[in-house]
Amino acid sequence: MARSPKTKKTNGAEKPMTTAQALGSLLKSARDIMRKDKGLNGDLDRLPLLTWIMFLKFLDDLEQQREQEAALATKQFRPAIDPPYRWRDWAADPQGITGDELLAFINQDETRLPTGKKGSGLFAYLRGLSSSNGDNRRDVIATVFHGVDNRMKSGYLLRDVINKVADIHFTSSEELHTLGALYESMLREMRDAAGDSGEFYTPRPVVRFMVKVIDPRLGETVLDPASGTGGFLVEAFSYLSNQVKTVADRKRLQTETIFGCEPKSLPYLLGQMNLLLHGLDAPQIDPGNALRFKLSEIGEKERVDVILTNPPFGGEEEKGIQGNFPDDRQTAETALLFLQLIMRRLHRQPTRMGRSARAAVVVPNGTLFGDGVCARIKEELLKEFNLHTIVRLPSGVFAPYTGIPTNILFFDRSGPTTEVWYYEHPLPDGRKNYTKTQPIQFDEFVDCMNWWSKREENQQAWKVPVEDLLADNCNLDCRNPNGKVDFEHLPPDQLAEDIIEKEMKIAELMREIKIALGAS
C-alpha cells in the first residue's frame, strides 16, 4: 500500500511537506530567473538578493505562527513588521504588484503603497525600525536592511523570484533543517565566488573540531568577533542546543549566549539568515568593526567566556584603528590586532560553570615565527595566558582561496603557560594536499580528539617548555621532532638555511660520486 506524503497544517489547511529535492529545484529556478536580469552579476549579487527575500518570508511565517500561539494563550501580540510591509501584504499574492510598481515600492523612500496610500518604501520603512516596542528583532531587521539594496532592474523578474520563494514554508522544523542545509551549500558557492575578493571562510570540519574541543557549556557566553557568515556561531548554537533541558535554558541560549561582530554588509546579511535558519530568533551581531574600541577601555562587561574565530589575516587596518592599541603593540596586520582583542575580551575569572575562559583562534603561520610587535604580543600570551595547544594544519585547508599555512591556537585564563603541546594534523594517506574538490573532512580529526584528553608524545604530537619559547624570542614555530620535516611551516630564514644545507650535502655527494667514478 502506497504511503501518503507527509503533510503539515498551516493556518488550518493541510499542505504537503516540501522535500529537499523540491526545495533545491525551487531555489535553482529562482536563481535561473535572476540570471536573466541585467542588474545582477554573478552569485555575489544573486545570493544576497535571494537572502533578503527569504529573510522577509521567513520572518512573516514566524510572526504568523507566534500570533496564533499568542491568541491561544490569550496574550497580546506585537508584530516586528506592521502592515502593509509584511510579506503577506505585498508579496504573498502571486498576482500582486509587479513591474515598475513593485520596484518603486521596494526601492523608493516614498511611494504609493499597495493600499493606495502614500508612504515610505519597503526598504526605507525597514531601515527605520527600532526596538522601542520591546522587540529586539526590529533592531536586527533595521541593521540588516541598512546594508541591503535591490539591484534587479526588472520588476517582472523580481515578482517571479518572489513567487518562487513564496512556495518555501518556514513553519516546519524538518523543512527548516532541509533549507538550512541547502542554504549552506549556497554559502559555499558564494565563498567560491568571494575567494577572488580576499574573503576566506573556515571549512565546516575545522569549525566543528574547534567547537568540539573547546566544549562550550550552557551558561557560558560565546563570541566570534569576526563572525562572517556565522559558521562558528551556528555550530556553537547547535552544540549548546543539545544541552537545553528547560524553558529557562532555552531563553538563556536565545538571549544571553551567542554574540558576534561583522562589519561587512554582505556577510552580515548572510550570517543573520544563517543563524535564523538554524533557530536563533534574534541574532546579536554587532555590525561594526570589532577593533574600533580602545583596547584599554574594554572592561569586564565586554568580556566573554568563550571565543571561537578565524579573524581576517593578510589585511591592513587604518591608523585610526591601530591607535586603539598600546604604542608598542600597534601594527597594520589584522591578525595581530584581533589576537590582542581576543586576549583582552576573555573573562579573567572562571565562568558560571567553574571553568576558565578560553579561546580557539585560527592564525597564519607568520604569527608563529614573527618578531618585533608580534613577539611582544606572544610574550604576553605566554606569560598571562595558558597557551596549552597549537594544532598545525597542513597545506590546502583553505584551498582554493589561499595556500598560506594555518594553525589553531588554544589558550585559556587558567594561568601562565608552562608548556605548549603541538599537534601536527596529518594529510590522509596518499594525499599531498587538500583541494577544492577534496577538502578536509571532520572524521580526520578523530585521532586528535582522542589524543586531546590523554596527551602523550607520538609521531604527530610533541611538547615544548615555555622557557625554551621565551628564550627563542617567543618563536612558536617549532618543528616536529618525531615526524617528517614539514617544510611549508618553516620560517623563510630557516627554510633558506635548510635549502643551503641540502645543496651542500648534494654537492658533497656529487663530488664523492665523481671521485669514485674516476677511481674506477
Protein backbone atom coordinates (compact mmCIF):
# COMPACT_ATOMS: atom_id res chain seq x y z
CA MET A 1 0.00 0.00 0.00
CA ALA A 2 1.48 3.36 -1.04
CA ARG A 3 2.29 5.78 1.76
CA SER A 4 0.85 9.26 1.55
CA PRO A 5 3.31 12.16 1.58
CA LYS A 6 3.91 13.94 4.87
CA THR A 7 1.68 16.92 5.49
CA LYS A 8 1.55 19.79 7.91
CA LYS A 9 -1.07 22.28 8.99
CA THR A 10 -0.64 25.92 8.07
CA ASN A 11 -3.44 28.27 9.12
CA GLY A 12 -5.69 25.26 9.44
CA ALA A 13 -5.01 23.90 5.95
CA GLU A 14 -3.12 20.72 5.16
CA LYS A 15 -0.05 21.33 2.98
CA PRO A 16 2.41 18.75 1.68
CA MET A 17 5.88 18.85 3.20
CA THR A 18 8.46 20.35 0.86
CA THR A 19 11.14 17.75 0.13
CA ALA A 20 14.83 18.52 -0.18
CA GLN A 21 14.60 17.82 -3.90
CA ALA A 22 11.66 20.23 -4.28
CA LEU A 23 13.43 22.94 -2.28
CA GLY A 24 16.60 22.51 -4.29
CA SER A 25 14.64 22.73 -7.53
CA LEU A 26 12.75 25.79 -6.31
CA LEU A 27 15.92 27.68 -5.36
CA LYS A 28 17.57 26.72 -8.64
CA SER A 29 14.58 28.09 -10.54
CA ALA A 30 14.79 31.36 -8.59
CA ARG A 31 18.48 31.71 -9.41
CA ASP A 32 17.84 30.91 -13.08
CA ILE A 33 15.30 33.75 -13.16
CA MET A 34 17.84 36.14 -11.61
CA ARG A 35 20.40 35.24 -14.28
CA LYS A 36 18.11 36.92 -16.83
CA ASP A 37 18.24 40.27 -15.04
CA LYS A 38 20.75 42.83 -16.31
CA GLY A 39 21.30 44.35 -12.88
CA LEU A 40 22.89 41.25 -11.34
CA ASN A 41 26.41 39.99 -11.93
CA GLY A 42 27.19 36.54 -10.57
CA ASP A 43 26.39 34.86 -7.27
CA LEU A 44 27.82 37.74 -5.24
CA ASP A 45 24.78 39.73 -6.43
CA ARG A 46 22.23 36.93 -6.69
CA LEU A 47 22.68 35.29 -3.30
CA PRO A 48 22.19 38.47 -1.20
CA LEU A 49 19.01 39.29 -3.13
CA LEU A 50 17.64 35.79 -2.66
CA THR A 51 18.62 36.00 1.01
CA TRP A 52 16.77 39.21 1.86
CA ILE A 53 13.66 37.95 0.08
CA MET A 54 13.83 34.67 2.04
CA PHE A 55 14.53 36.66 5.21
CA LEU A 56 11.23 38.55 4.88
CA LYS A 57 9.27 35.38 4.05
CA PHE A 58 10.83 33.55 6.99
CA LEU A 59 10.05 36.45 9.32
CA ASP A 60 6.41 36.62 8.25
CA ASP A 61 5.91 32.86 8.67
CA LEU A 62 7.44 33.12 12.14
CA GLU A 63 5.25 36.11 13.02
CA GLN A 64 2.07 34.34 11.91
CA GLN A 65 2.99 31.30 13.96
CA ARG A 66 3.67 33.42 17.07
CA GLU A 67 0.50 35.40 16.53
CA GLN A 68 -1.51 32.16 16.60
CA GLU A 69 0.32 30.98 19.73
CA ALA A 70 -0.39 34.32 21.46
CA ALA A 71 -4.07 34.10 20.52
CA LEU A 72 -4.32 30.61 22.01
CA ALA A 73 -2.67 31.85 25.19
CA THR A 74 -4.92 34.97 25.16
CA LYS A 75 -1.83 37.18 25.12
CA GLN A 76 -1.24 40.37 23.20
CA PHE A 77 0.97 40.01 20.12
CA ARG A 78 3.18 42.84 18.86
CA PRO A 79 4.49 42.27 15.31
CA ALA A 80 8.03 43.20 14.34
CA ILE A 81 6.75 44.48 10.97
CA ASP A 82 3.45 46.32 10.58
CA PRO A 83 1.08 46.22 7.59
CA PRO A 84 1.34 46.87 4.68
CA TYR A 85 5.03 45.89 4.86
CA ARG A 86 4.57 42.29 5.96
CA TRP A 87 5.22 39.60 3.37
CA ARG A 88 1.58 38.59 3.38
CA ASP A 89 0.55 42.17 2.49
CA TRP A 90 2.59 42.73 -0.68
CA ALA A 91 4.34 39.51 -1.70
CA ALA A 92 2.10 36.52 -0.94
CA ASP A 93 -0.37 37.07 -3.80
CA PRO A 94 1.29 35.73 -6.99
CA GLN A 95 -0.79 38.24 -8.96
CA GLY A 96 0.21 41.12 -6.67
CA ILE A 97 2.16 44.27 -7.50
CA THR A 98 4.81 43.79 -10.16
CA GLY A 99 6.95 45.64 -12.71
CA ASP A 100 7.81 49.29 -12.03
CA GLU A 101 5.21 49.46 -9.25
CA LEU A 102 7.00 46.68 -7.35
CA LEU A 103 10.43 48.29 -7.85
CA ALA A 104 9.09 51.64 -6.63
CA PHE A 105 7.50 50.04 -3.54
CA ILE A 106 10.79 48.35 -2.61
CA ASN A 107 13.38 50.95 -3.62
CA GLN A 108 11.94 54.44 -3.18
CA ASP A 109 12.00 56.43 0.03
CA GLU A 110 8.38 57.46 -0.56
CA THR A 111 5.94 55.67 -2.82
CA ARG A 112 2.37 54.59 -3.36
CA LEU A 113 1.66 51.61 -1.14
CA PRO A 114 -0.35 48.50 -2.11
CA THR A 115 -3.19 50.04 -0.06
CA GLY A 116 -3.28 53.01 -2.45
CA LYS A 117 -2.00 55.48 0.16
CA LYS A 118 1.38 57.21 0.05
CA GLY A 119 4.06 56.19 2.50
CA SER A 120 7.64 55.03 2.98
CA GLY A 121 9.01 52.45 0.58
CA LEU A 122 9.72 48.96 1.92
CA PHE A 123 13.47 49.37 2.48
CA ALA A 124 13.04 52.87 3.93
CA TYR A 125 10.47 51.52 6.40
CA LEU A 126 12.58 48.52 7.41
CA ARG A 127 15.71 50.64 7.91
CA GLY A 128 13.74 52.91 10.24
CA LEU A 129 12.61 50.17 12.63
CA SER A 130 13.74 50.26 16.27
CA SER A 131 13.21 48.12 19.35
CA SER A 132 11.29 50.84 21.17
CA ASN A 133 8.31 48.45 21.39
CA GLY A 134 10.44 45.90 23.22
CA ASP A 135 11.02 43.61 20.21
CA ASN A 136 14.78 43.25 19.63
CA ARG A 137 14.09 41.76 16.20
CA ARG A 138 13.24 45.26 14.99
CA ASP A 139 16.83 46.36 15.57
CA VAL A 140 18.07 43.23 13.79
CA ILE A 141 15.81 43.94 10.79
CA ALA A 142 16.85 47.60 10.61
CA THR A 143 20.55 46.72 10.75
CA VAL A 144 20.18 44.01 8.10
CA PHE A 145 18.47 46.33 5.65
CA HIS A 146 20.88 49.21 6.17
CA GLY A 147 23.36 47.13 4.19
CA VAL A 148 20.93 45.79 1.58
CA ASP A 149 19.85 47.13 -1.77
CA ASN A 150 17.85 45.77 -4.69
CA ARG A 151 19.91 45.53 -7.86
CA MET A 152 17.32 43.84 -10.04
CA LYS A 153 16.27 46.05 -12.95
CA SER A 154 13.15 44.14 -13.94
CA GLY A 155 10.22 44.26 -11.54
CA TYR A 156 8.59 41.43 -13.50
CA LEU A 157 11.55 39.09 -13.00
CA LEU A 158 11.66 40.16 -9.35
CA ARG A 159 7.99 39.17 -8.98
CA ASP A 160 8.83 35.76 -10.48
CA VAL A 161 11.59 35.28 -7.88
CA ILE A 162 9.25 36.35 -5.06
CA ASN A 163 6.65 33.85 -6.25
CA LYS A 164 9.24 31.06 -6.13
CA VAL A 165 10.27 31.96 -2.57
CA ALA A 166 6.59 32.13 -1.57
CA ASP A 167 6.45 28.35 -2.05
CA ILE A 168 9.01 27.81 0.72
CA HIS A 169 7.34 27.16 4.07
CA PHE A 170 9.22 28.16 7.21
CA THR A 171 6.78 26.57 9.63
CA SER A 172 8.20 23.07 9.92
CA SER A 173 11.40 22.17 11.76
CA GLU A 174 12.10 19.45 9.18
CA GLU A 175 11.82 21.92 6.34
CA LEU A 176 13.96 24.46 8.18
CA HIS A 177 16.63 21.81 8.63
CA THR A 178 16.47 20.93 4.93
CA LEU A 179 16.54 24.57 3.89
CA GLY A 180 19.42 25.23 6.27
CA ALA A 181 21.48 22.53 4.57
CA LEU A 182 20.63 23.90 1.12
CA TYR A 183 21.43 27.42 2.26
CA GLU A 184 24.84 26.29 3.49
CA SER A 185 25.55 24.84 0.05
CA MET A 186 24.69 28.24 -1.46
CA LEU A 187 27.02 29.90 1.05
CA ARG A 188 29.82 27.61 -0.13
CA GLU A 189 29.17 28.72 -3.71
CA MET A 190 29.21 32.35 -2.59
CA ARG A 191 32.51 31.71 -0.81
CA ASP A 192 33.93 30.28 -4.02
CA ALA A 193 32.95 33.48 -5.81
CA ALA A 194 34.18 35.70 -2.98
CA GLY A 195 37.57 33.98 -2.73
CA ASP A 196 38.83 36.20 -5.52
CA SER A 197 37.90 39.22 -3.41
CA GLY A 198 40.06 38.15 -0.47
CA GLU A 199 37.21 36.65 1.58
CA PHE A 200 38.31 33.36 3.14
CA TYR A 201 35.93 31.20 5.16
CA THR A 202 36.64 28.42 7.61
CA PRO A 203 35.80 24.90 6.38
CA ARG A 204 32.94 23.37 8.37
CA PRO A 205 35.02 20.37 9.62
CA VAL A 206 37.59 22.75 11.14
CA VAL A 207 34.79 24.76 12.79
CA ARG A 208 33.20 21.59 14.21
CA PHE A 209 36.54 20.39 15.56
CA MET A 210 37.25 23.71 17.27
CA VAL A 211 33.79 23.83 18.88
CA LYS A 212 34.03 20.20 19.96
CA VAL A 213 37.34 20.53 21.81
CA ILE A 214 36.64 24.00 23.26
CA ASP A 215 33.38 22.46 24.60
CA PRO A 216 31.14 25.49 25.35
CA ARG A 217 28.61 24.84 28.11
CA LEU A 218 25.15 26.33 28.56
CA GLY A 219 25.55 29.29 30.90
CA GLU A 220 28.74 30.46 29.20
CA THR A 221 28.87 33.33 26.68
CA VAL A 222 30.28 32.68 23.22
CA LEU A 223 31.74 35.32 20.87
CA ASP A 224 33.10 35.41 17.34
CA PRO A 225 34.50 38.93 16.80
CA ALA A 226 34.88 38.30 13.07
CA SER A 227 31.76 36.22 12.51
CA GLY A 228 31.42 36.48 8.72
CA THR A 229 28.52 34.31 7.60
CA GLY A 230 28.13 32.87 11.11
CA GLY A 231 29.78 29.45 10.80
CA PHE A 232 31.29 29.36 14.30
CA LEU A 233 28.17 30.82 15.91
CA VAL A 234 25.84 28.37 14.14
CA GLU A 235 27.99 25.43 15.20
CA ALA A 236 28.23 26.69 18.80
CA PHE A 237 24.46 27.30 18.90
CA SER A 238 23.78 23.77 17.64
CA TYR A 239 26.25 22.30 20.14
CA LEU A 240 24.64 24.21 23.03
CA SER A 241 21.10 23.37 21.87
CA ASN A 242 21.74 19.75 22.83
CA GLN A 243 22.23 20.91 26.44
CA VAL A 244 18.84 22.65 26.71
CA LYS A 245 16.57 20.93 29.25
CA THR A 246 14.13 23.64 30.41
CA VAL A 247 12.32 26.75 29.18
CA ALA A 248 14.82 28.82 31.17
CA ASP A 249 17.69 27.05 29.39
CA ARG A 250 16.18 27.88 26.02
CA LYS A 251 15.71 31.54 26.97
CA ARG A 252 19.32 31.77 28.14
CA LEU A 253 20.58 30.22 24.89
CA GLN A 254 18.39 32.50 22.78
CA THR A 255 19.15 35.79 24.54
CA GLU A 256 22.29 35.60 26.69
CA THR A 257 24.74 33.29 24.97
CA ILE A 258 25.67 33.88 21.31
CA PHE A 259 27.37 37.10 20.16
CA GLY A 260 29.17 38.15 17.00
CA CYS A 261 30.63 41.06 15.11
CA GLU A 262 30.72 41.57 11.33
CA PRO A 263 31.19 44.98 9.66
CA LYS A 264 30.75 43.95 6.02
CA SER A 265 27.14 44.15 4.85
CA LEU A 266 27.09 41.02 2.68
CA PRO A 267 28.47 38.56 5.26
CA TYR A 268 26.35 40.30 7.92
CA LEU A 269 23.15 39.65 5.96
CA LEU A 270 24.15 36.07 5.17
CA GLY A 271 25.14 35.44 8.78
CA GLN A 272 21.81 36.73 10.10
CA MET A 273 19.90 34.45 7.74
CA ASN A 274 22.17 31.52 8.57
CA LEU A 275 21.56 31.92 12.31
CA LEU A 276 17.82 32.47 11.88
CA LEU A 277 17.51 29.31 9.79
CA HIS A 278 19.31 27.34 12.47
CA GLY A 279 16.95 28.52 15.21
CA LEU A 280 18.43 31.66 16.79
CA ASP A 281 15.43 34.02 16.91
CA ALA A 282 17.20 37.40 17.24
CA PRO A 283 20.93 37.10 16.49
CA GLN A 284 23.04 39.61 18.42
CA ILE A 285 25.60 40.53 15.78
CA ASP A 286 27.35 43.88 16.05
CA PRO A 287 27.53 45.43 12.54
CA GLY A 288 30.67 47.47 13.36
CA ASN A 289 34.39 46.70 13.31
CA ALA A 290 35.29 44.77 16.47
CA LEU A 291 38.63 46.62 16.54
CA ARG A 292 37.06 50.09 16.78
CA PHE A 293 37.20 50.28 20.58
CA LYS A 294 40.26 51.37 22.57
CA LEU A 295 41.76 48.17 23.99
CA SER A 296 42.45 49.67 27.42
CA GLU A 297 38.79 50.69 27.78
CA ILE A 298 37.36 47.19 27.27
CA GLY A 299 36.20 46.19 30.74
CA GLU A 300 34.54 43.28 32.46
CA LYS A 301 31.12 43.99 30.92
CA GLU A 302 32.53 43.43 27.44
CA ARG A 303 34.29 40.19 28.32
CA VAL A 304 33.02 36.70 27.46
CA ASP A 305 33.69 33.09 28.43
CA VAL A 306 34.45 31.50 25.05
CA ILE A 307 35.85 32.94 21.82
CA LEU A 308 35.84 30.91 18.60
CA THR A 309 37.09 32.67 15.50
CA ASN A 310 39.09 32.82 12.31
CA PRO A 311 39.94 36.53 12.14
CA PRO A 312 40.97 38.04 8.80
CA PHE A 313 44.68 37.88 8.07
CA GLY A 314 46.87 39.46 5.44
CA GLY A 315 44.85 42.68 5.59
CA GLU A 316 45.89 46.09 6.87
CA GLU A 317 43.96 48.26 9.32
CA GLU A 318 43.93 52.06 9.11
CA LYS A 319 45.90 54.28 11.50
CA GLY A 320 42.77 55.20 13.48
CA ILE A 321 42.19 51.53 14.33
CA GLN A 322 45.86 50.93 15.14
CA GLY A 323 45.69 53.84 17.59
CA ASN A 324 43.30 51.82 19.77
CA PHE A 325 46.20 49.54 20.77
CA PRO A 326 49.22 50.13 23.06
CA ASP A 327 52.07 52.09 21.47
CA ASP A 328 54.44 49.11 21.42
CA ARG A 329 51.76 46.74 20.03
CA GLN A 330 50.49 48.80 17.11
CA THR A 331 50.58 47.11 13.71
CA ALA A 332 48.68 47.16 10.43
CA GLU A 333 48.43 43.35 10.43
CA THR A 334 44.80 42.49 11.14
CA ALA A 335 45.51 39.05 12.61
CA LEU A 336 47.76 40.51 15.34
CA LEU A 337 45.24 43.20 16.27
CA PHE A 338 42.50 40.57 16.59
CA LEU A 339 44.73 38.35 18.71
CA GLN A 340 45.20 41.23 21.17
CA LEU A 341 41.46 41.92 21.18
CA ILE A 342 40.67 38.26 21.87
CA MET A 343 43.10 38.16 24.78
CA ARG A 344 41.53 41.32 26.22
CA ARG A 345 37.94 40.10 25.85
CA LEU A 346 38.31 36.84 27.79
CA HIS A 347 36.93 36.90 31.33
CA ARG A 348 39.65 36.85 33.96
CA GLN A 349 37.50 34.95 36.46
CA PRO A 350 36.13 31.41 36.00
CA THR A 351 32.85 31.06 34.12
CA ARG A 352 29.50 30.21 35.72
CA MET A 353 30.38 26.60 35.10
CA GLY A 354 33.60 26.95 37.11
CA ARG A 355 35.83 26.69 34.05
CA SER A 356 38.48 29.04 32.71
CA ALA A 357 37.53 31.45 29.94
CA ARG A 358 39.08 30.11 26.76
CA ALA A 359 39.65 30.70 23.06
CA ALA A 360 40.34 28.84 19.84
CA VAL A 361 41.77 31.06 17.11
CA VAL A 362 42.94 30.35 13.55
CA VAL A 363 46.16 32.24 12.73
CA PRO A 364 48.51 32.28 9.73
CA ASN A 365 51.93 30.73 10.05
CA GLY A 366 53.60 34.13 10.15
CA THR A 367 52.07 34.77 13.57
CA LEU A 368 54.07 31.87 14.99
CA PHE A 369 57.53 32.99 13.85
CA GLY A 370 57.01 36.78 13.66
CA ASP A 371 59.27 39.05 15.74
CA GLY A 372 59.04 42.67 16.85
CA VAL A 373 55.45 43.63 17.72
CA CYS A 374 54.39 40.06 17.03
CA ALA A 375 56.91 38.68 19.55
CA ARG A 376 55.75 41.14 22.22
CA ILE A 377 52.14 40.04 21.75
CA LYS A 378 53.17 36.38 22.01
CA GLU A 379 55.19 37.08 25.14
CA GLU A 380 52.03 38.43 26.79
CA LEU A 381 50.11 35.40 25.54
CA LEU A 382 52.64 33.02 27.12
CA LYS A 383 53.01 34.90 30.40
CA GLU A 384 49.41 35.95 31.04
CA PHE A 385 47.51 33.06 29.42
CA ASN A 386 47.86 29.30 29.21
CA LEU A 387 48.65 28.61 25.56
CA HIS A 388 48.27 24.89 26.02
CA THR A 389 47.87 23.65 22.43
CA ILE A 390 48.76 24.59 18.86
CA VAL A 391 47.23 22.45 16.13
CA ARG A 392 49.20 22.77 12.89
CA LEU A 393 47.03 22.41 9.82
CA PRO A 394 48.50 21.08 6.56
CA SER A 395 48.58 22.69 3.15
CA GLY A 396 45.36 23.28 1.24
CA VAL A 397 42.89 23.51 4.15
CA PHE A 398 41.74 26.85 2.74
CA ALA A 399 42.07 25.81 -0.91
CA PRO A 400 41.46 27.23 -3.41
CA TYR A 401 41.43 30.68 -1.77
CA THR A 402 44.90 30.69 -0.24
CA GLY A 403 47.85 28.37 0.22
CA ILE A 404 49.03 30.16 3.39
CA PRO A 405 49.71 27.54 6.11
CA THR A 406 47.49 27.98 9.16
CA ASN A 407 47.38 26.94 12.80
CA ILE A 408 44.81 26.88 15.59
CA LEU A 409 45.83 28.43 18.91
CA PHE A 410 44.04 27.12 22.00
CA PHE A 411 44.54 29.17 25.16
CA ASP A 412 42.72 29.96 28.39
CA ARG A 413 42.79 32.07 31.55
CA SER A 414 43.91 29.29 33.91
CA GLY A 415 47.34 30.89 34.49
CA PRO A 416 50.64 31.38 32.68
CA THR A 417 51.85 28.85 30.15
CA THR A 418 54.18 26.12 31.45
CA GLU A 419 54.43 24.09 28.24
CA VAL A 420 52.91 24.16 24.78
CA TRP A 421 51.66 20.99 23.17
CA TYR A 422 51.83 20.81 19.39
CA TYR A 423 49.72 18.52 17.25
CA GLU A 424 50.57 18.27 13.57
CA HIS A 425 47.40 17.35 11.70
CA PRO A 426 48.45 14.81 9.03
CA LEU A 427 47.18 14.62 5.49
CA PRO A 428 45.25 11.46 4.63
CA ASP A 429 47.41 8.62 3.31
CA GLY A 430 48.39 9.13 -0.29
CA ARG A 431 47.41 12.81 -0.35
CA LYS A 432 49.85 15.68 -0.97
CA ASN A 433 47.38 18.43 -0.06
CA TYR A 434 43.73 19.37 0.19
CA THR A 435 41.90 20.85 -2.77
CA LYS A 436 38.53 22.41 -3.53
CA THR A 437 37.21 19.03 -4.72
CA GLN A 438 38.93 17.04 -1.95
CA PRO A 439 38.59 19.19 1.19
CA ILE A 440 39.39 18.30 4.77
CA GLN A 441 36.82 16.03 6.50
CA PHE A 442 35.66 16.08 10.13
CA ASP A 443 36.46 12.41 10.74
CA GLU A 444 40.13 13.20 10.08
CA PHE A 445 40.19 14.96 13.47
CA VAL A 446 39.17 11.82 15.39
CA ASP A 447 42.77 10.92 16.31
CA CYS A 448 43.44 14.43 17.59
CA MET A 449 40.22 14.46 19.64
CA ASN A 450 41.11 11.07 21.16
CA TRP A 451 44.59 12.38 21.99
CA TRP A 452 43.23 15.65 23.45
CA SER A 453 42.39 14.42 26.95
CA LYS A 454 45.15 11.77 27.20
CA ARG A 455 48.21 13.57 25.92
CA GLU A 456 51.31 11.60 25.01
CA GLU A 457 54.08 12.35 22.56
CA ASN A 458 53.77 10.48 19.29
CA GLN A 459 54.52 10.98 15.60
CA GLN A 460 52.03 13.87 15.45
CA ALA A 461 52.34 15.34 18.97
CA TRP A 462 55.16 16.87 20.99
CA LYS A 463 55.57 19.48 23.74
CA VAL A 464 57.95 22.39 24.32
CA PRO A 465 58.68 24.00 27.72
CA VAL A 466 57.71 27.68 27.85
CA GLU A 467 61.26 28.61 28.94
CA ASP A 468 62.58 27.42 25.57
CA LEU A 469 60.00 29.51 23.70
CA LEU A 470 60.69 32.66 25.73
CA ALA A 471 64.44 32.22 25.27
CA ASP A 472 63.93 31.99 21.49
CA ASN A 473 62.20 35.41 21.22
CA CYS A 474 58.78 33.74 21.57
CA ASN A 475 59.19 31.84 18.32
CA LEU A 476 56.27 29.37 18.38
CA ASP A 477 57.18 27.84 15.04
CA CYS A 478 58.66 24.64 16.48
CA ARG A 479 59.42 21.64 14.28
CA ASN A 480 58.00 18.22 14.94
CA PRO A 481 60.94 16.24 16.38
CA ASN A 482 59.06 12.94 15.96
CA GLY A 483 57.92 13.15 12.36
CA LYS A 484 58.97 14.21 8.89
CA VAL A 485 60.05 17.82 8.39
CA ASP A 486 57.09 19.95 7.34
CA PHE A 487 58.81 22.45 5.05
CA GLU A 488 55.68 24.51 4.44
CA HIS A 489 55.66 25.57 8.11
CA LEU A 490 59.31 26.66 8.22
CA PRO A 491 60.03 30.39 8.56
CA PRO A 492 61.77 31.85 5.48
CA ASP A 493 65.23 32.14 7.09
CA GLN A 494 65.11 28.56 8.38
CA LEU A 495 63.85 27.31 5.03
CA ALA A 496 66.75 29.09 3.28
CA GLU A 497 69.23 27.52 5.71
CA ASP A 498 67.75 24.07 5.07
CA ILE A 499 67.98 24.54 1.32
CA ILE A 500 71.62 25.68 1.54
CA GLU A 501 72.47 22.78 3.85
CA LYS A 502 70.87 20.26 1.48
CA GLU A 503 72.57 21.83 -1.54
CA MET A 504 75.95 21.48 0.23
CA LYS A 505 75.20 17.83 1.03
CA ILE A 506 74.19 17.19 -2.57
CA ALA A 507 77.38 18.90 -3.83
CA GLU A 508 79.49 16.81 -1.43
CA LEU A 509 77.72 13.64 -2.56
CA MET A 510 78.25 14.52 -6.23
CA ARG A 511 81.96 15.14 -5.55
CA GLU A 512 82.28 11.74 -3.89
CA ILE A 513 80.49 10.09 -6.84
CA LYS A 514 82.84 11.78 -9.32
CA ILE A 515 85.89 10.64 -7.32
CA ALA A 516 84.51 7.10 -7.17
CA LEU A 517 83.80 7.06 -10.91
CA GLY A 518 87.25 8.47 -11.64
CA ALA A 519 88.88 5.84 -9.48
CA SER A 520 87.10 3.06 -11.34
